[in-house]
Amino acid sequence: MLFQIIQLVGAVLILGAFAAQQSKRLESETVVYQLLNCLGGFCLCTAAVAEVQYGFILLEGAWTILSAAGLVRVMRGA
């Protein structure tokens, strides 16, 4: 049950960031956008590790790493 809650939180964070960016309420080159993606990816990757789902570990691990790199890039430019 705990990992299902973590999965839902992660999905809401990623989808919320995407919806806000698509509706022009949030730019992708902002700390908030990158942080939402990074935290969402981390939540989903954590749940995937707990359930030993290798495909999702790869997907969400990469999502987290790429979002963290984007976060660092945006913070350095800010």
N, C-alpha and C. Protein backbone atom coordinates (compact mmCIF):
# COMPACT_ATOMS: atom_id res chain seq x y z
N MET A 1 0.82 -1.19 0.00
CA MET A 1 0.00 0.00 0.00
C MET A 1 0.86 1.26 0.00
N LEU A 2 1.95 1.26 0.79
CA LEU A 2 2.82 2.42 0.86
C LEU A 2 3.42 2.75 -0.51
N PHE A 3 3.87 1.73 -1.23
CA PHE A 3 4.49 1.99 -2.53
C PHE A 3 3.47 2.44 -3.56
N GLN A 4 2.23 2.06 -3.41
CA GLN A 4 1.18 2.58 -4.30
C GLN A 4 0.96 4.06 -4.06
N ILE A 5 1.02 4.49 -2.82
CA ILE A 5 0.90 5.91 -2.50
C ILE A 5 2.09 6.68 -3.07
N ILE A 6 3.29 6.12 -2.92
CA ILE A 6 4.49 6.75 -3.47
C ILE A 6 4.38 6.85 -4.99
N GLN A 7 3.87 5.80 -5.63
CA GLN A 7 3.68 5.84 -7.08
C GLN A 7 2.70 6.93 -7.49
N LEU A 8 1.61 7.05 -6.77
CA LEU A 8 0.61 8.08 -7.08
C LEU A 8 1.18 9.48 -6.90
N VAL A 9 1.92 9.69 -5.84
CA VAL A 9 2.54 11.00 -5.61
C VAL A 9 3.51 11.32 -6.75
N GLY A 10 4.34 10.36 -7.11
CA GLY A 10 5.30 10.57 -8.19
C GLY A 10 4.62 10.88 -9.51
N ALA A 11 3.57 10.13 -9.83
CA ALA A 11 2.84 10.37 -11.07
C ALA A 11 2.18 11.74 -11.08
N VAL A 12 1.60 12.14 -9.95
CA VAL A 12 0.95 13.46 -9.87
C VAL A 12 1.99 14.57 -10.04
N LEU A 13 3.17 14.41 -9.46
CA LEU A 13 4.21 15.43 -9.61
C LEU A 13 4.63 15.58 -11.07
N ILE A 14 4.90 14.47 -11.72
CA ILE A 14 5.34 14.52 -13.12
C ILE A 14 4.22 15.04 -14.03
N LEU A 15 3.04 14.49 -13.87
CA LEU A 15 1.93 14.91 -14.72
C LEU A 15 1.51 16.35 -14.44
N GLY A 16 1.60 16.77 -13.19
CA GLY A 16 1.29 18.16 -12.85
C GLY A 16 2.26 19.12 -13.52
N ALA A 17 3.54 18.79 -13.49
CA ALA A 17 4.55 19.63 -14.15
C ALA A 17 4.30 19.67 -15.66
N PHE A 18 4.01 18.53 -16.24
CA PHE A 18 3.77 18.45 -17.68
C PHE A 18 2.52 19.24 -18.08
N ALA A 19 1.45 19.09 -17.31
CA ALA A 19 0.21 19.81 -17.61
C ALA A 19 0.42 21.32 -17.48
N ALA A 20 1.14 21.74 -16.45
CA ALA A 20 1.40 23.17 -16.26
C ALA A 20 2.26 23.72 -17.40
N GLN A 21 3.21 22.95 -17.85
CA GLN A 21 4.06 23.39 -18.97
C GLN A 21 3.27 23.44 -20.26
N GLN A 22 2.44 22.46 -20.51
CA GLN A 22 1.64 22.42 -21.73
C GLN A 22 0.61 23.55 -21.77
N SER A 23 0.09 23.93 -20.61
CA SER A 23 -0.91 25.00 -20.56
C SER A 23 -0.27 26.38 -20.42
N LYS A 24 1.05 26.44 -20.57
CA LYS A 24 1.82 27.69 -20.51
C LYS A 24 1.78 28.36 -19.14
N ARG A 25 1.54 27.60 -18.09
CA ARG A 25 1.55 28.14 -16.73
C ARG A 25 2.92 27.99 -16.08
N LEU A 26 3.78 27.17 -16.68
CA LEU A 26 5.09 26.90 -16.11
C LEU A 26 6.06 26.64 -17.26
N GLU A 27 7.19 27.32 -17.24
CA GLU A 27 8.23 27.11 -18.25
C GLU A 27 9.10 25.91 -17.86
N SER A 28 9.55 25.20 -18.86
CA SER A 28 10.37 24.00 -18.58
C SER A 28 11.76 24.36 -18.04
N GLU A 29 12.22 25.55 -18.28
CA GLU A 29 13.54 25.95 -17.80
C GLU A 29 13.45 26.70 -16.47
N THR A 30 12.64 26.15 -15.56
CA THR A 30 12.53 26.74 -14.22
C THR A 30 12.88 25.69 -13.17
N VAL A 31 13.25 26.17 -12.00
CA VAL A 31 13.58 25.28 -10.89
C VAL A 31 12.36 24.44 -10.51
N VAL A 32 11.19 25.05 -10.47
CA VAL A 32 9.98 24.33 -10.06
C VAL A 32 9.69 23.16 -10.99
N TYR A 33 9.74 23.40 -12.29
CA TYR A 33 9.46 22.35 -13.27
C TYR A 33 10.46 21.20 -13.13
N GLN A 34 11.73 21.53 -13.08
CA GLN A 34 12.76 20.50 -12.98
C GLN A 34 12.68 19.75 -11.65
N LEU A 35 12.37 20.48 -10.58
CA LEU A 35 12.26 19.84 -9.26
C LEU A 35 11.07 18.89 -9.20
N LEU A 36 9.93 19.30 -9.76
CA LEU A 36 8.76 18.41 -9.79
C LEU A 36 9.07 17.13 -10.55
N ASN A 37 9.75 17.26 -11.69
CA ASN A 37 10.12 16.08 -12.47
C ASN A 37 11.11 15.19 -11.73
N CYS A 38 12.08 15.81 -11.09
CA CYS A 38 13.09 15.05 -10.37
C CYS A 38 12.48 14.30 -9.19
N LEU A 39 11.67 14.97 -8.40
CA LEU A 39 11.04 14.31 -7.25
C LEU A 39 10.04 13.24 -7.70
N GLY A 40 9.28 13.53 -8.74
CA GLY A 40 8.33 12.55 -9.26
C GLY A 40 9.04 11.31 -9.78
N GLY A 41 10.10 11.51 -10.54
CA GLY A 41 10.88 10.38 -11.04
C GLY A 41 11.50 9.57 -9.92
N PHE A 42 11.98 10.26 -8.90
CA PHE A 42 12.57 9.56 -7.76
C PHE A 42 11.54 8.70 -7.03
N CYS A 43 10.34 9.26 -6.82
CA CYS A 43 9.27 8.48 -6.17
C CYS A 43 8.95 7.23 -6.98
N LEU A 44 8.79 7.39 -8.28
CA LEU A 44 8.44 6.25 -9.13
C LEU A 44 9.58 5.24 -9.21
N CYS A 45 10.82 5.72 -9.25
CA CYS A 45 11.97 4.81 -9.28
C CYS A 45 12.07 4.02 -7.98
N THR A 46 11.84 4.69 -6.86
CA THR A 46 11.87 4.02 -5.56
C THR A 46 10.84 2.90 -5.50
N ALA A 47 9.64 3.19 -5.97
CA ALA A 47 8.59 2.16 -5.97
C ALA A 47 8.94 1.02 -6.92
N ALA A 48 9.56 1.35 -8.06
CA ALA A 48 9.95 0.31 -9.02
C ALA A 48 11.04 -0.59 -8.44
N VAL A 49 11.98 -0.01 -7.70
CA VAL A 49 13.04 -0.81 -7.07
C VAL A 49 12.43 -1.75 -6.04
N ALA A 50 11.50 -1.24 -5.26
CA ALA A 50 10.87 -2.07 -4.23
C ALA A 50 10.11 -3.24 -4.82
N GLU A 51 9.57 -3.05 -6.01
CA GLU A 51 8.79 -4.11 -6.66
C GLU A 51 9.58 -4.85 -7.74
N VAL A 52 10.88 -4.55 -7.84
CA VAL A 52 11.81 -5.20 -8.77
C VAL A 52 11.24 -5.20 -10.20
N GLN A 53 10.96 -4.01 -10.70
CA GLN A 53 10.45 -3.83 -12.06
C GLN A 53 11.55 -3.15 -12.88
N TYR A 54 12.38 -3.95 -13.53
CA TYR A 54 13.59 -3.45 -14.16
C TYR A 54 13.34 -2.41 -15.24
N GLY A 55 12.32 -2.58 -16.04
CA GLY A 55 12.03 -1.61 -17.08
C GLY A 55 11.70 -0.25 -16.49
N PHE A 56 10.91 -0.24 -15.45
CA PHE A 56 10.55 1.03 -14.81
C PHE A 56 11.69 1.60 -13.99
N ILE A 57 12.56 0.74 -13.47
CA ILE A 57 13.76 1.24 -12.79
C ILE A 57 14.61 2.00 -13.80
N LEU A 58 14.79 1.43 -14.98
CA LEU A 58 15.57 2.10 -16.03
C LEU A 58 14.91 3.41 -16.44
N LEU A 59 13.62 3.37 -16.73
CA LEU A 59 12.90 4.56 -17.18
C LEU A 59 12.92 5.66 -16.13
N GLU A 60 12.51 5.35 -14.93
CA GLU A 60 12.40 6.38 -13.89
C GLU A 60 13.75 6.77 -13.32
N GLY A 61 14.71 5.85 -13.33
CA GLY A 61 16.07 6.22 -12.93
C GLY A 61 16.67 7.23 -13.89
N ALA A 62 16.50 6.98 -15.18
CA ALA A 62 16.98 7.92 -16.19
C ALA A 62 16.24 9.25 -16.08
N TRP A 63 14.92 9.19 -15.87
CA TRP A 63 14.11 10.41 -15.72
C TRP A 63 14.63 11.25 -14.56
N THR A 64 14.94 10.59 -13.45
CA THR A 64 15.43 11.29 -12.27
C THR A 64 16.79 11.92 -12.52
N ILE A 65 17.69 11.16 -13.13
CA ILE A 65 19.04 11.67 -13.41
C ILE A 65 18.99 12.84 -14.38
N LEU A 66 18.22 12.71 -15.45
CA LEU A 66 18.13 13.79 -16.44
C LEU A 66 17.47 15.02 -15.84
N SER A 67 16.46 14.82 -15.01
CA SER A 67 15.81 15.96 -14.35
C SER A 67 16.74 16.63 -13.35
N ALA A 68 17.53 15.83 -12.65
CA ALA A 68 18.50 16.40 -11.70
C ALA A 68 19.55 17.23 -12.45
N ALA A 69 19.99 16.73 -13.60
CA ALA A 69 20.95 17.49 -14.41
C ALA A 69 20.32 18.79 -14.90
N GLY A 70 19.05 18.73 -15.31
CA GLY A 70 18.34 19.94 -15.72
C GLY A 70 18.18 20.91 -14.56
N LEU A 71 17.93 20.40 -13.39
CA LEU A 71 17.79 21.24 -12.19
C LEU A 71 19.10 21.96 -11.89
N VAL A 72 20.20 21.23 -11.96
CA VAL A 72 21.52 21.85 -11.74
C VAL A 72 21.78 22.92 -12.79
N ARG A 73 21.48 22.62 -14.04
CA ARG A 73 21.69 23.58 -15.12
C ARG A 73 20.88 24.86 -14.90
N VAL A 74 19.62 24.71 -14.56
CA VAL A 74 18.75 25.86 -14.33
C VAL A 74 19.22 26.66 -13.12
N MET A 75 19.63 25.98 -12.06
CA MET A 75 20.07 26.68 -10.86
C MET A 75 21.39 27.43 -11.10
N ARG A 76 22.24 26.89 -11.91
CA ARG A 76 23.50 27.59 -12.23
C ARG A 76 23.24 28.84 -13.07
N GLY A 77 22.21 28.76 -13.90
CA GLY A 77 21.89 29.90 -14.76
C GLY A 77 21.08 30.96 -14.05
N ALA A 78 20.50 30.60 -12.90
CA ALA A 78 19.60 31.55 -12.20
C ALA A 78 20.32 32.54 -11.37
